[in-house]
Amino acid sequence: MKCLYCDGDLELATDVYHLDRKGIHLTIDDMQVYKCNRCGEIMIPGEEVQALQDILRQLEDSIQREVA
């Protein structure tokens, strides 16, 4: 696979991933990603994206229930 930004090669790696959304700050250690060997940009595999969306949805729902 090629990097969308610099056309470098993407290699499977683990990395720390940070996500900030609607006041939620999520950090995942040792997340499996594709990382560019040239510029360091990361791409998250599709199944990981779905898992992240599920986690965020659960957190948002939990926070909304606590506020209500």
N, C-alpha and C. Protein backbone atom coordinates (compact mmCIF):
# COMPACT_ATOMS: atom_id res chain seq x y z
N MET A 1 0.84 -1.18 0.00
CA MET A 1 0.00 0.00 0.00
C MET A 1 0.89 1.24 0.00
N LYS A 2 0.38 2.30 -0.60
CA LYS A 2 1.12 3.55 -0.69
C LYS A 2 0.46 4.64 0.16
N CYS A 3 1.27 5.51 0.72
CA CYS A 3 0.81 6.65 1.51
C CYS A 3 0.10 7.64 0.59
N LEU A 4 -1.02 8.14 1.07
CA LEU A 4 -1.79 9.12 0.30
C LEU A 4 -1.10 10.49 0.24
N TYR A 5 -0.19 10.75 1.16
CA TYR A 5 0.44 12.06 1.27
C TYR A 5 1.77 12.16 0.53
N CYS A 6 2.60 11.10 0.63
CA CYS A 6 3.95 11.22 0.06
C CYS A 6 4.31 10.06 -0.87
N ASP A 7 3.40 9.11 -1.05
CA ASP A 7 3.61 7.95 -1.90
C ASP A 7 4.65 6.97 -1.35
N GLY A 8 4.98 7.10 -0.05
CA GLY A 8 5.86 6.14 0.59
C GLY A 8 5.13 4.83 0.83
N ASP A 9 5.85 3.82 1.27
CA ASP A 9 5.25 2.51 1.54
C ASP A 9 4.64 2.48 2.94
N LEU A 10 3.43 1.92 3.05
CA LEU A 10 2.78 1.73 4.34
C LEU A 10 3.13 0.34 4.85
N GLU A 11 3.58 0.28 6.10
CA GLU A 11 3.96 -0.99 6.71
C GLU A 11 3.15 -1.19 7.97
N LEU A 12 2.75 -2.43 8.24
CA LEU A 12 2.00 -2.75 9.44
C LEU A 12 2.88 -2.50 10.66
N ALA A 13 2.32 -1.79 11.63
CA ALA A 13 3.07 -1.43 12.83
C ALA A 13 2.09 -1.25 13.99
N THR A 14 2.63 -1.07 15.18
CA THR A 14 1.82 -0.66 16.33
C THR A 14 2.26 0.73 16.72
N ASP A 15 1.30 1.54 17.18
CA ASP A 15 1.60 2.92 17.52
C ASP A 15 0.61 3.37 18.58
N VAL A 16 0.92 4.45 19.25
CA VAL A 16 -0.01 5.08 20.17
C VAL A 16 -0.94 5.94 19.33
N TYR A 17 -2.25 5.80 19.56
CA TYR A 17 -3.23 6.54 18.78
C TYR A 17 -4.02 7.45 19.70
N HIS A 18 -4.11 8.72 19.33
CA HIS A 18 -4.86 9.72 20.11
C HIS A 18 -6.05 10.18 19.27
N LEU A 19 -7.20 10.31 19.94
CA LEU A 19 -8.40 10.77 19.26
C LEU A 19 -9.12 11.74 20.17
N ASP A 20 -9.46 12.90 19.65
CA ASP A 20 -10.22 13.91 20.38
C ASP A 20 -11.50 14.18 19.61
N ARG A 21 -12.64 14.01 20.30
CA ARG A 21 -13.93 14.23 19.63
C ARG A 21 -14.97 14.62 20.66
N LYS A 22 -15.59 15.76 20.45
CA LYS A 22 -16.69 16.24 21.30
C LYS A 22 -16.35 16.16 22.78
N GLY A 23 -15.16 16.60 23.14
CA GLY A 23 -14.76 16.61 24.54
C GLY A 23 -14.25 15.28 25.07
N ILE A 24 -14.22 14.27 24.24
CA ILE A 24 -13.69 12.96 24.63
C ILE A 24 -12.25 12.86 24.13
N HIS A 25 -11.35 12.52 25.03
CA HIS A 25 -9.94 12.37 24.68
C HIS A 25 -9.57 10.90 24.91
N LEU A 26 -9.32 10.19 23.83
CA LEU A 26 -9.08 8.76 23.89
C LEU A 26 -7.65 8.46 23.44
N THR A 27 -6.93 7.67 24.22
CA THR A 27 -5.58 7.25 23.86
C THR A 27 -5.53 5.73 23.91
N ILE A 28 -5.05 5.14 22.83
CA ILE A 28 -4.93 3.68 22.75
C ILE A 28 -3.46 3.35 22.52
N ASP A 29 -2.88 2.60 23.44
CA ASP A 29 -1.50 2.15 23.29
C ASP A 29 -1.47 0.89 22.42
N ASP A 30 -0.42 0.73 21.67
CA ASP A 30 -0.20 -0.48 20.86
C ASP A 30 -1.34 -0.79 19.90
N MET A 31 -1.84 0.23 19.22
CA MET A 31 -2.88 0.01 18.22
C MET A 31 -2.25 -0.40 16.90
N GLN A 32 -2.86 -1.38 16.25
CA GLN A 32 -2.33 -1.85 14.97
C GLN A 32 -2.72 -0.85 13.88
N VAL A 33 -1.72 -0.32 13.18
CA VAL A 33 -1.93 0.68 12.13
C VAL A 33 -1.00 0.37 10.95
N TYR A 34 -1.24 1.04 9.86
CA TYR A 34 -0.28 1.06 8.75
C TYR A 34 0.44 2.39 8.84
N LYS A 35 1.77 2.36 8.89
CA LYS A 35 2.56 3.57 9.07
C LYS A 35 3.48 3.77 7.88
N CYS A 36 3.52 5.01 7.37
CA CYS A 36 4.36 5.32 6.23
C CYS A 36 5.83 5.31 6.65
N ASN A 37 6.64 4.62 5.87
CA ASN A 37 8.07 4.54 6.19
C ASN A 37 8.82 5.80 5.76
N ARG A 38 8.13 6.72 5.08
CA ARG A 38 8.78 7.95 4.66
C ARG A 38 8.36 9.15 5.53
N CYS A 39 7.05 9.40 5.66
CA CYS A 39 6.60 10.61 6.38
C CYS A 39 6.02 10.32 7.75
N GLY A 40 5.77 9.03 8.09
CA GLY A 40 5.25 8.68 9.41
C GLY A 40 3.74 8.76 9.54
N GLU A 41 3.05 9.18 8.49
CA GLU A 41 1.58 9.24 8.52
C GLU A 41 1.02 7.85 8.78
N ILE A 42 -0.09 7.78 9.53
CA ILE A 42 -0.68 6.47 9.80
C ILE A 42 -2.04 6.34 9.12
N MET A 43 -2.37 5.11 8.79
CA MET A 43 -3.67 4.78 8.26
C MET A 43 -4.20 3.64 9.13
N ILE A 44 -5.46 3.76 9.51
CA ILE A 44 -6.05 2.76 10.39
C ILE A 44 -6.82 1.75 9.55
N PRO A 45 -6.59 0.45 9.76
CA PRO A 45 -7.35 -0.57 9.02
C PRO A 45 -8.85 -0.44 9.28
N GLY A 46 -9.66 -0.81 8.30
CA GLY A 46 -11.11 -0.65 8.38
C GLY A 46 -11.75 -1.25 9.62
N GLU A 47 -11.31 -2.45 10.02
CA GLU A 47 -11.91 -3.08 11.19
C GLU A 47 -11.59 -2.30 12.47
N GLU A 48 -10.43 -1.67 12.50
CA GLU A 48 -10.06 -0.84 13.66
C GLU A 48 -10.90 0.43 13.70
N VAL A 49 -11.18 1.00 12.53
CA VAL A 49 -12.03 2.21 12.45
C VAL A 49 -13.41 1.89 13.01
N GLN A 50 -13.97 0.76 12.63
CA GLN A 50 -15.30 0.38 13.13
C GLN A 50 -15.28 0.21 14.64
N ALA A 51 -14.24 -0.42 15.18
CA ALA A 51 -14.13 -0.61 16.62
C ALA A 51 -14.03 0.75 17.33
N LEU A 52 -13.25 1.67 16.78
CA LEU A 52 -13.14 3.01 17.36
C LEU A 52 -14.48 3.73 17.35
N GLN A 53 -15.21 3.65 16.25
CA GLN A 53 -16.52 4.29 16.18
C GLN A 53 -17.48 3.70 17.21
N ASP A 54 -17.44 2.40 17.42
CA ASP A 54 -18.29 1.76 18.42
C ASP A 54 -17.93 2.24 19.82
N ILE A 55 -16.64 2.32 20.13
CA ILE A 55 -16.19 2.80 21.44
C ILE A 55 -16.64 4.23 21.67
N LEU A 56 -16.45 5.09 20.68
CA LEU A 56 -16.86 6.50 20.81
C LEU A 56 -18.37 6.63 20.99
N ARG A 57 -19.12 5.86 20.25
CA ARG A 57 -20.59 5.91 20.37
C ARG A 57 -21.01 5.52 21.79
N GLN A 58 -20.40 4.47 22.34
CA GLN A 58 -20.72 4.04 23.70
C GLN A 58 -20.34 5.11 24.72
N LEU A 59 -19.18 5.73 24.55
CA LEU A 59 -18.77 6.79 25.47
C LEU A 59 -19.71 7.99 25.39
N GLU A 60 -20.06 8.40 24.19
CA GLU A 60 -20.98 9.53 24.02
C GLU A 60 -22.34 9.22 24.66
N ASP A 61 -22.86 8.02 24.44
CA ASP A 61 -24.14 7.63 25.03
C ASP A 61 -24.07 7.63 26.55
N SER A 62 -22.97 7.12 27.09
CA SER A 62 -22.79 7.08 28.53
C SER A 62 -22.74 8.49 29.13
N ILE A 63 -22.02 9.37 28.47
CA ILE A 63 -21.91 10.75 28.95
C ILE A 63 -23.25 11.45 28.89
N GLN A 64 -24.00 11.25 27.80
CA GLN A 64 -25.31 11.89 27.66
C GLN A 64 -26.28 11.40 28.74
N ARG A 65 -26.22 10.13 29.09
CA ARG A 65 -27.10 9.59 30.15
C ARG A 65 -26.76 10.20 31.50
N GLU A 66 -25.46 10.43 31.76
CA GLU A 66 -25.05 11.02 33.03
C GLU A 66 -25.49 12.47 33.14
N VAL A 67 -25.49 13.19 32.04
CA VAL A 67 -25.86 14.60 32.03
C VAL A 67 -27.37 14.75 32.18
N ALA A 68 -28.14 13.82 31.61
CA ALA A 68 -29.61 13.94 31.63
C ALA A 68 -30.20 13.67 32.98
